[in-house]
Amino acid sequence: MMWGYGWDMGWSWLLGLVVLIGIVLLVILTVRIFSGRSNQGNDSGSTQMSTSLSSARQILDERYARGELTSEQYREQIQILGEFRR
């Protein structure tokens, strides 16, 4: 009889590795759930679109403030951004 040697030794470290990976994945999943990603709900696509539109508006405002756009160009771009919100 060989106690602690043979096939039993190989399977025990493999089982320990699988359990460790499971625990790590469970921690990652828990952190993602409680980190605020669940607040987006099923409407994450429209939230992302409104965020990109607001950042586009911010870039447009900055370009207008630096004098890169005329008032007419600025108003035209604002109108175009407004059409995408519908």
PDB file of N, CA and C in Angstrom:
ATOM      1  N   MET A   1       0.834  -1.184   0.000  1.00  0.00           N
ATOM      2  CA  MET A   1       0.000   0.000   0.000  1.00  0.00           C
ATOM      3  C   MET A   1       0.876   1.242   0.000  1.00  0.00           C
ATOM      4  N   MET A   2       0.564   2.138  -0.908  1.00  0.00           N
ATOM      5  CA  MET A   2       1.317   3.387  -0.971  1.00  0.00           C
ATOM      6  C   MET A   2       0.382   4.529  -0.585  1.00  0.00           C
ATOM      7  N   TRP A   3       0.554   5.038   0.603  1.00  0.00           N
ATOM      8  CA  TRP A   3      -0.289   6.125   1.092  1.00  0.00           C
ATOM      9  C   TRP A   3       0.250   7.461   0.586  1.00  0.00           C
ATOM     10  N   GLY A   4      -0.592   8.234  -0.114  1.00  0.00           N
ATOM     11  CA  GLY A   4      -0.205   9.566  -0.550  1.00  0.00           C
ATOM     12  C   GLY A   4       0.551   9.606  -1.855  1.00  0.00           C
ATOM     13  N   TYR A   5       0.667   8.473  -2.537  1.00  0.00           N
ATOM     14  CA  TYR A   5       1.356   8.452  -3.822  1.00  0.00           C
ATOM     15  C   TYR A   5       0.443   7.839  -4.873  1.00  0.00           C
ATOM     16  N   GLY A   6       0.771   8.082  -6.108  1.00  0.00           N
ATOM     17  CA  GLY A   6      -0.008   7.482  -7.177  1.00  0.00           C
ATOM     18  C   GLY A   6      -1.029   8.454  -7.738  1.00  0.00           C
ATOM     19  N   TRP A   7      -2.136   7.922  -8.245  1.00  0.00           N
ATOM     20  CA  TRP A   7      -3.147   8.737  -8.892  1.00  0.00           C
ATOM     21  C   TRP A   7      -3.823   9.711  -7.941  1.00  0.00           C
ATOM     22  N   ASP A   8      -3.999   9.342  -6.710  1.00  0.00           N
ATOM     23  CA  ASP A   8      -4.661  10.219  -5.747  1.00  0.00           C
ATOM     24  C   ASP A   8      -3.924  11.541  -5.593  1.00  0.00           C
ATOM     25  N   MET A   9      -2.631  11.520  -5.635  1.00  0.00           N
ATOM     26  CA  MET A   9      -1.827  12.722  -5.470  1.00  0.00           C
ATOM     27  C   MET A   9      -2.058  13.692  -6.638  1.00  0.00           C
ATOM     28  N   GLY A  10      -2.137  13.173  -7.847  1.00  0.00           N
ATOM     29  CA  GLY A  10      -2.330  14.021  -9.029  1.00  0.00           C
ATOM     30  C   GLY A  10      -3.696  14.659  -9.083  1.00  0.00           C
ATOM     31  N   TRP A  11      -4.710  13.912  -8.735  1.00  0.00           N
ATOM     32  CA  TRP A  11      -6.065  14.443  -8.791  1.00  0.00           C
ATOM     33  C   TRP A  11      -6.339  15.457  -7.695  1.00  0.00           C
ATOM     34  N   SER A  12      -5.699  15.331  -6.581  1.00  0.00           N
ATOM     35  CA  SER A  12      -5.983  16.256  -5.480  1.00  0.00           C
ATOM     36  C   SER A  12      -5.500  17.667  -5.794  1.00  0.00           C
ATOM     37  N   TRP A  13      -4.339  17.836  -6.419  1.00  0.00           N
ATOM     38  CA  TRP A  13      -3.885  19.194  -6.745  1.00  0.00           C
ATOM     39  C   TRP A  13      -4.708  19.778  -7.879  1.00  0.00           C
ATOM     40  N   LEU A  14      -5.179  18.917  -8.801  1.00  0.00           N
ATOM     41  CA  LEU A  14      -6.036  19.398  -9.888  1.00  0.00           C
ATOM     42  C   LEU A  14      -7.384  19.871  -9.336  1.00  0.00           C
ATOM     43  N   LEU A  15      -7.930  19.111  -8.416  1.00  0.00           N
ATOM     44  CA  LEU A  15      -9.195  19.510  -7.790  1.00  0.00           C
ATOM     45  C   LEU A  15      -9.017  20.815  -7.006  1.00  0.00           C
ATOM     46  N   GLY A  16      -7.905  20.967  -6.310  1.00  0.00           N
ATOM     47  CA  GLY A  16      -7.628  22.205  -5.582  1.00  0.00           C
ATOM     48  C   GLY A  16      -7.515  23.397  -6.511  1.00  0.00           C
ATOM     49  N   LEU A  17      -6.897  23.198  -7.670  1.00  0.00           N
ATOM     50  CA  LEU A  17      -6.762  24.264  -8.663  1.00  0.00           C
ATOM     51  C   LEU A  17      -8.127  24.669  -9.211  1.00  0.00           C
ATOM     52  N   VAL A  18      -8.976  23.710  -9.490  1.00  0.00           N
ATOM     53  CA  VAL A  18     -10.320  24.001  -9.994  1.00  0.00           C
ATOM     54  C   VAL A  18     -11.128  24.774  -8.951  1.00  0.00           C
ATOM     55  N   VAL A  19     -11.031  24.374  -7.698  1.00  0.00           N
ATOM     56  CA  VAL A  19     -11.734  25.080  -6.618  1.00  0.00           C
ATOM     57  C   VAL A  19     -11.215  26.509  -6.489  1.00  0.00           C
ATOM     58  N   LEU A  20      -9.910  26.696  -6.575  1.00  0.00           N
ATOM     59  CA  LEU A  20      -9.319  28.040  -6.478  1.00  0.00           C
ATOM     60  C   LEU A  20      -9.787  28.928  -7.628  1.00  0.00           C
ATOM     61  N   ILE A  21      -9.811  28.410  -8.842  1.00  0.00           N
ATOM     62  CA  ILE A  21     -10.289  29.185  -9.988  1.00  0.00           C
ATOM     63  C   ILE A  21     -11.766  29.536  -9.805  1.00  0.00           C
ATOM     64  N   GLY A  22     -12.548  28.605  -9.285  1.00  0.00           N
ATOM     65  CA  GLY A  22     -13.962  28.875  -9.026  1.00  0.00           C
ATOM     66  C   GLY A  22     -14.162  29.998  -8.023  1.00  0.00           C
ATOM     67  N   ILE A  23     -13.363  30.006  -6.982  1.00  0.00           N
ATOM     68  CA  ILE A  23     -13.459  31.059  -5.971  1.00  0.00           C
ATOM     69  C   ILE A  23     -13.092  32.413  -6.563  1.00  0.00           C
ATOM     70  N   VAL A  24     -12.032  32.460  -7.359  1.00  0.00           N
ATOM     71  CA  VAL A  24     -11.616  33.721  -7.992  1.00  0.00           C
ATOM     72  C   VAL A  24     -12.715  34.236  -8.912  1.00  0.00           C
ATOM     73  N   LEU A  25     -13.315  33.360  -9.717  1.00  0.00           N
ATOM     74  CA  LEU A  25     -14.392  33.776 -10.607  1.00  0.00           C
ATOM     75  C   LEU A  25     -15.614  34.261  -9.831  1.00  0.00           C
ATOM     76  N   LEU A  26     -15.903  33.626  -8.733  1.00  0.00           N
ATOM     77  CA  LEU A  26     -17.024  34.043  -7.889  1.00  0.00           C
ATOM     78  C   LEU A  26     -16.780  35.433  -7.302  1.00  0.00           C
ATOM     79  N   VAL A  27     -15.564  35.715  -6.876  1.00  0.00           N
ATOM     80  CA  VAL A  27     -15.227  37.038  -6.342  1.00  0.00           C
ATOM     81  C   VAL A  27     -15.358  38.096  -7.437  1.00  0.00           C
ATOM     82  N   ILE A  28     -14.862  37.804  -8.639  1.00  0.00           N
ATOM     83  CA  ILE A  28     -14.953  38.759  -9.750  1.00  0.00           C
ATOM     84  C   ILE A  28     -16.410  39.042 -10.091  1.00  0.00           C
ATOM     85  N   LEU A  29     -17.231  38.002 -10.151  1.00  0.00           N
ATOM     86  CA  LEU A  29     -18.642  38.175 -10.448  1.00  0.00           C
ATOM     87  C   LEU A  29     -19.339  39.006  -9.372  1.00  0.00           C
ATOM     88  N   THR A  30     -19.022  38.757  -8.128  1.00  0.00           N
ATOM     89  CA  THR A  30     -19.618  39.514  -7.028  1.00  0.00           C
ATOM     90  C   THR A  30     -19.229  40.985  -7.099  1.00  0.00           C
ATOM     91  N   VAL A  31     -17.979  41.263  -7.384  1.00  0.00           N
ATOM     92  CA  VAL A  31     -17.519  42.656  -7.493  1.00  0.00           C
ATOM     93  C   VAL A  31     -18.222  43.355  -8.642  1.00  0.00           C
ATOM     94  N   ARG A  32     -18.383  42.681  -9.769  1.00  0.00           N
ATOM     95  CA  ARG A  32     -19.071  43.294 -10.911  1.00  0.00           C
ATOM     96  C   ARG A  32     -20.528  43.588 -10.602  1.00  0.00           C
ATOM     97  N   ILE A  33     -21.173  42.697  -9.901  1.00  0.00           N
ATOM     98  CA  ILE A  33     -22.588  42.905  -9.583  1.00  0.00           C
ATOM     99  C   ILE A  33     -22.763  44.093  -8.646  1.00  0.00           C
ATOM    100  N   PHE A  34     -21.919  44.199  -7.633  1.00  0.00           N
ATOM    101  CA  PHE A  34     -22.077  45.253  -6.640  1.00  0.00           C
ATOM    102  C   PHE A  34     -21.309  46.533  -6.948  1.00  0.00           C
ATOM    103  N   SER A  35     -20.630  46.610  -8.087  1.00  0.00           N
ATOM    104  CA  SER A  35     -19.850  47.801  -8.403  1.00  0.00           C
ATOM    105  C   SER A  35     -20.666  48.872  -9.115  1.00  0.00           C
ATOM    106  N   GLY A  36     -21.924  48.625  -9.393  1.00  0.00           N
ATOM    107  CA  GLY A  36     -22.754  49.628 -10.029  1.00  0.00           C
ATOM    108  C   GLY A  36     -23.079  49.299 -11.465  1.00  0.00           C
ATOM    109  N   ARG A  37     -22.525  48.256 -12.008  1.00  0.00           N
ATOM    110  CA  ARG A  37     -22.859  47.874 -13.374  1.00  0.00           C
ATOM    111  C   ARG A  37     -24.298  47.397 -13.466  1.00  0.00           C
ATOM    112  N   SER A  38     -24.835  46.907 -12.385  1.00  0.00           N
ATOM    113  CA  SER A  38     -26.217  46.429 -12.405  1.00  0.00           C
ATOM    114  C   SER A  38     -27.200  47.590 -12.465  1.00  0.00           C
ATOM    115  N   ASN A  39     -26.777  48.817 -12.182  1.00  0.00           N
ATOM    116  CA  ASN A  39     -27.660  49.974 -12.240  1.00  0.00           C
ATOM    117  C   ASN A  39     -28.033  50.342 -13.665  1.00  0.00           C
ATOM    118  N   GLN A  40     -27.270  49.867 -14.630  1.00  0.00           N
ATOM    119  CA  GLN A  40     -27.558  50.206 -16.012  1.00  0.00           C
ATOM    120  C   GLN A  40     -28.798  49.491 -16.511  1.00  0.00           C
ATOM    121  N   GLY A  41     -29.100  48.339 -15.994  1.00  0.00           N
ATOM    122  CA  GLY A  41     -30.293  47.615 -16.380  1.00  0.00           C
ATOM    123  C   GLY A  41     -30.231  47.138 -17.817  1.00  0.00           C
ATOM    124  N   ASN A  42     -31.409  46.974 -18.416  1.00  0.00           N
ATOM    125  CA  ASN A  42     -31.486  46.498 -19.785  1.00  0.00           C
ATOM    126  C   ASN A  42     -31.324  47.614 -20.786  1.00  0.00           C
ATOM    127  N   ASP A  43     -31.284  48.847 -20.352  1.00  0.00           N
ATOM    128  CA  ASP A  43     -31.237  49.999 -21.237  1.00  0.00           C
ATOM    129  C   ASP A  43     -29.819  50.510 -21.405  1.00  0.00           C
ATOM    130  N   SER A  44     -28.818  49.639 -21.359  1.00  0.00           N
ATOM    131  CA  SER A  44     -27.423  50.066 -21.418  1.00  0.00           C
ATOM    132  C   SER A  44     -27.066  50.652 -22.771  1.00  0.00           C
ATOM    133  N   GLY A  45     -27.723  50.224 -23.849  1.00  0.00           N
ATOM    134  CA  GLY A  45     -27.423  50.762 -25.172  1.00  0.00           C
ATOM    135  C   GLY A  45     -27.783  52.227 -25.274  1.00  0.00           C
ATOM    136  N   SER A  46     -28.957  52.615 -24.782  1.00  0.00           N
ATOM    137  CA  SER A  46     -29.355  54.014 -24.848  1.00  0.00           C
ATOM    138  C   SER A  46     -28.536  54.860 -23.884  1.00  0.00           C
ATOM    139  N   THR A  47     -28.128  54.289 -22.760  1.00  0.00           N
ATOM    140  CA  THR A  47     -27.273  55.015 -21.824  1.00  0.00           C
ATOM    141  C   THR A  47     -25.932  55.311 -22.462  1.00  0.00           C
ATOM    142  N   GLN A  48     -25.386  54.329 -23.153  1.00  0.00           N
ATOM    143  CA  GLN A  48     -24.109  54.529 -23.823  1.00  0.00           C
ATOM    144  C   GLN A  48     -24.244  55.565 -24.925  1.00  0.00           C
ATOM    145  N   MET A  49     -25.353  55.553 -25.658  1.00  0.00           N
ATOM    146  CA  MET A  49     -25.542  56.513 -26.733  1.00  0.00           C
ATOM    147  C   MET A  49     -25.671  57.923 -26.189  1.00  0.00           C
ATOM    148  N   SER A  50     -26.416  58.098 -25.092  1.00  0.00           N
ATOM    149  CA  SER A  50     -26.563  59.436 -24.530  1.00  0.00           C
ATOM    150  C   SER A  50     -25.242  59.939 -23.972  1.00  0.00           C
ATOM    151  N   THR A  51     -24.429  59.041 -23.430  1.00  0.00           N
ATOM    152  CA  THR A  51     -23.111  59.435 -22.940  1.00  0.00           C
ATOM    153  C   THR A  51     -22.223  59.887 -24.080  1.00  0.00           C
ATOM    154  N   SER A  52     -22.249  59.163 -25.195  1.00  0.00           N
ATOM    155  CA  SER A  52     -21.423  59.551 -26.329  1.00  0.00           C
ATOM    156  C   SER A  52     -21.919  60.851 -26.944  1.00  0.00           C
ATOM    157  N   LEU A  53     -23.249  61.069 -26.934  1.00  0.00           N
ATOM    158  CA  LEU A  53     -23.769  62.324 -27.451  1.00  0.00           C
ATOM    159  C   LEU A  53     -23.378  63.490 -26.559  1.00  0.00           C
ATOM    160  N   SER A  54     -23.404  63.295 -25.240  1.00  0.00           N
ATOM    161  CA  SER A  54     -23.023  64.389 -24.360  1.00  0.00           C
ATOM    162  C   SER A  54     -21.535  64.688 -24.493  1.00  0.00           C
ATOM    163  N   SER A  55     -20.714  63.655 -24.714  1.00  0.00           N
ATOM    164  CA  SER A  55     -19.287  63.921 -24.913  1.00  0.00           C
ATOM    165  C   SER A  55     -19.060  64.586 -26.260  1.00  0.00           C
ATOM    166  N   ALA A  56     -19.875  64.233 -27.270  1.00  0.00           N
ATOM    167  CA  ALA A  56     -19.767  64.905 -28.569  1.00  0.00           C
ATOM    168  C   ALA A  56     -20.145  66.382 -28.418  1.00  0.00           C
ATOM    169  N   ARG A  57     -21.165  66.638 -27.626  1.00  0.00           N
ATOM    170  CA  ARG A  57     -21.581  68.034 -27.386  1.00  0.00           C
ATOM    171  C   ARG A  57     -20.485  68.796 -26.639  1.00  0.00           C
ATOM    172  N   GLN A  58     -19.822  68.132 -25.704  1.00  0.00           N
ATOM    173  CA  GLN A  58     -18.744  68.771 -24.957  1.00  0.00           C
ATOM    174  C   GLN A  58     -17.580  69.114 -25.889  1.00  0.00           C
ATOM    175  N   ILE A  59     -17.234  68.194 -26.776  1.00  0.00           N
ATOM    176  CA  ILE A  59     -16.161  68.462 -27.742  1.00  0.00           C
ATOM    177  C   ILE A  59     -16.549  69.621 -28.651  1.00  0.00           C
ATOM    178  N   LEU A  60     -17.804  69.638 -29.077  1.00  0.00           N
ATOM    179  CA  LEU A  60     -18.294  70.723 -29.926  1.00  0.00           C
ATOM    180  C   LEU A  60     -18.210  72.064 -29.202  1.00  0.00           C
ATOM    181  N   ASP A  61     -18.602  72.082 -27.930  1.00  0.00           N
ATOM    182  CA  ASP A  61     -18.515  73.313 -27.138  1.00  0.00           C
ATOM    183  C   ASP A  61     -17.070  73.791 -27.007  1.00  0.00           C
ATOM    184  N   GLU A  62     -16.161  72.851 -26.781  1.00  0.00           N
ATOM    185  CA  GLU A  62     -14.751  73.218 -26.639  1.00  0.00           C
ATOM    186  C   GLU A  62     -14.186  73.781 -27.949  1.00  0.00           C
ATOM    187  N   ARG A  63     -14.550  73.166 -29.054  1.00  0.00           N
ATOM    188  CA  ARG A  63     -14.068  73.666 -30.352  1.00  0.00           C
ATOM    189  C   ARG A  63     -14.612  75.063 -30.641  1.00  0.00           C
ATOM    190  N   TYR A  64     -15.865  75.296 -30.264  1.00  0.00           N
ATOM    191  CA  TYR A  64     -16.458  76.617 -30.461  1.00  0.00           C
ATOM    192  C   TYR A  64     -15.770  77.652 -29.565  1.00  0.00           C
ATOM    193  N   ALA A  65     -15.470  77.254 -28.338  1.00  0.00           N
ATOM    194  CA  ALA A  65     -14.804  78.166 -27.404  1.00  0.00           C
ATOM    195  C   ALA A  65     -13.392  78.515 -27.875  1.00  0.00           C
ATOM    196  N   ARG A  66     -12.700  77.575 -28.517  1.00  0.00           N
ATOM    197  CA  ARG A  66     -11.348  77.847 -29.028  1.00  0.00           C
ATOM    198  C   ARG A  66     -11.362  78.638 -30.327  1.00  0.00           C
ATOM    199  N   GLY A  67     -12.555  78.825 -30.909  1.00  0.00           N
ATOM    200  CA  GLY A  67     -12.662  79.585 -32.139  1.00  0.00           C
ATOM    201  C   GLY A  67     -12.461  78.742 -33.391  1.00  0.00           C
ATOM    202  N   GLU A  68     -12.506  77.437 -33.258  1.00  0.00           N
ATOM    203  CA  GLU A  68     -12.336  76.564 -34.417  1.00  0.00           C
ATOM    204  C   GLU A  68     -13.595  76.497 -35.274  1.00  0.00           C
ATOM    205  N   LEU A  69     -14.744  76.859 -34.691  1.00  0.00           N
ATOM    206  CA  LEU A  69     -16.017  76.839 -35.407  1.00  0.00           C
ATOM    207  C   LEU A  69     -16.644  78.222 -35.377  1.00  0.00           C
ATOM    208  N   THR A  70     -17.296  78.573 -36.475  1.00  0.00           N
ATOM    209  CA  THR A  70     -18.073  79.809 -36.480  1.00  0.00           C
ATOM    210  C   THR A  70     -19.402  79.536 -35.776  1.00  0.00           C
ATOM    211  N   SER A  71     -20.135  80.601 -35.501  1.00  0.00           N
ATOM    212  CA  SER A  71     -21.434  80.443 -34.843  1.00  0.00           C
ATOM    213  C   SER A  71     -22.382  79.629 -35.709  1.00  0.00           C
ATOM    214  N   GLU A  72     -22.321  79.850 -37.004  1.00  0.00           N
ATOM    215  CA  GLU A  72     -23.199  79.109 -37.919  1.00  0.00           C
ATOM    216  C   GLU A  72     -22.851  77.611 -37.912  1.00  0.00           C
ATOM    217  N   GLN A  73     -21.570  77.287 -37.960  1.00  0.00           N
ATOM    218  CA  GLN A  73     -21.151  75.883 -37.924  1.00  0.00           C
ATOM    219  C   GLN A  73     -21.550  75.236 -36.593  1.00  0.00           C
ATOM    220  N   TYR A  74     -21.390  75.991 -35.523  1.00  0.00           N
ATOM    221  CA  TYR A  74     -21.733  75.482 -34.195  1.00  0.00           C
ATOM    222  C   TYR A  74     -23.217  75.143 -34.117  1.00  0.00           C
ATOM    223  N   ARG A  75     -24.084  76.075 -34.555  1.00  0.00           N
ATOM    224  CA  ARG A  75     -25.526  75.844 -34.513  1.00  0.00           C
ATOM    225  C   ARG A  75     -25.929  74.671 -35.405  1.00  0.00           C
ATOM    226  N   GLU A  76     -25.279  74.553 -36.554  1.00  0.00           N
ATOM    227  CA  GLU A  76     -25.577  73.447 -37.468  1.00  0.00           C
ATOM    228  C   GLU A  76     -25.227  72.100 -36.817  1.00  0.00           C
ATOM    229  N   GLN A  77     -24.094  72.043 -36.161  1.00  0.00           N
ATOM    230  CA  GLN A  77     -23.679  70.800 -35.514  1.00  0.00           C
ATOM    231  C   GLN A  77     -24.587  70.469 -34.323  1.00  0.00           C
ATOM    232  N   ILE A  78     -25.010  71.476 -33.581  1.00  0.00           N
ATOM    233  CA  ILE A  78     -25.943  71.260 -32.470  1.00  0.00           C
ATOM    234  C   ILE A  78     -27.242  70.665 -33.011  1.00  0.00           C
ATOM    235  N   GLN A  79     -27.715  71.188 -34.134  1.00  0.00           N
ATOM    236  CA  GLN A  79     -28.941  70.683 -34.740  1.00  0.00           C
ATOM    237  C   GLN A  79     -28.765  69.227 -35.171  1.00  0.00           C
ATOM    238  N   ILE A  80     -27.626  68.903 -35.748  1.00  0.00           N
ATOM    239  CA  ILE A  80     -27.360  67.523 -36.172  1.00  0.00           C
ATOM    240  C   ILE A  80     -27.332  66.594 -34.963  1.00  0.00           C
ATOM    241  N   LEU A  81     -26.675  67.011 -33.878  1.00  0.00           N
ATOM    242  CA  LEU A  81     -26.645  66.185 -32.663  1.00  0.00           C
ATOM    243  C   LEU A  81     -28.044  65.997 -32.096  1.00  0.00           C
ATOM    244  N   GLY A  82     -28.882  67.027 -32.192  1.00  0.00           N
ATOM    245  CA  GLY A  82     -30.252  66.924 -31.698  1.00  0.00           C
ATOM    246  C   GLY A  82     -31.068  65.909 -32.462  1.00  0.00           C
ATOM    247  N   GLU A  83     -30.791  65.765 -33.767  1.00  0.00           N
ATOM    248  CA  GLU A  83     -31.515  64.795 -34.580  1.00  0.00           C
ATOM    249  C   GLU A  83     -31.160  63.377 -34.151  1.00  0.00           C
ATOM    250  N   PHE A  84     -29.945  63.116 -33.708  1.00  0.00           N
ATOM    251  CA  PHE A  84     -29.545  61.784 -33.295  1.00  0.00           C
ATOM    252  C   PHE A  84     -30.188  61.389 -31.971  1.00  0.00           C
ATOM    253  N   ARG A  85     -30.614  62.330 -31.178  1.00  0.00           N
ATOM    254  CA  ARG A  85     -31.209  62.016 -29.874  1.00  0.00           C
ATOM    255  C   ARG A  85     -32.603  61.430 -30.026  1.00  0.00           C
ATOM    256  N   ARG A  86     -33.246  61.628 -31.134  1.00  0.00           N
ATOM    257  CA  ARG A  86     -34.629  61.140 -31.308  1.00  0.00           C
ATOM    258  C   ARG A  86     -34.675  59.694 -31.595  1.00  0.00           C
TER     259      ARG A  86
END
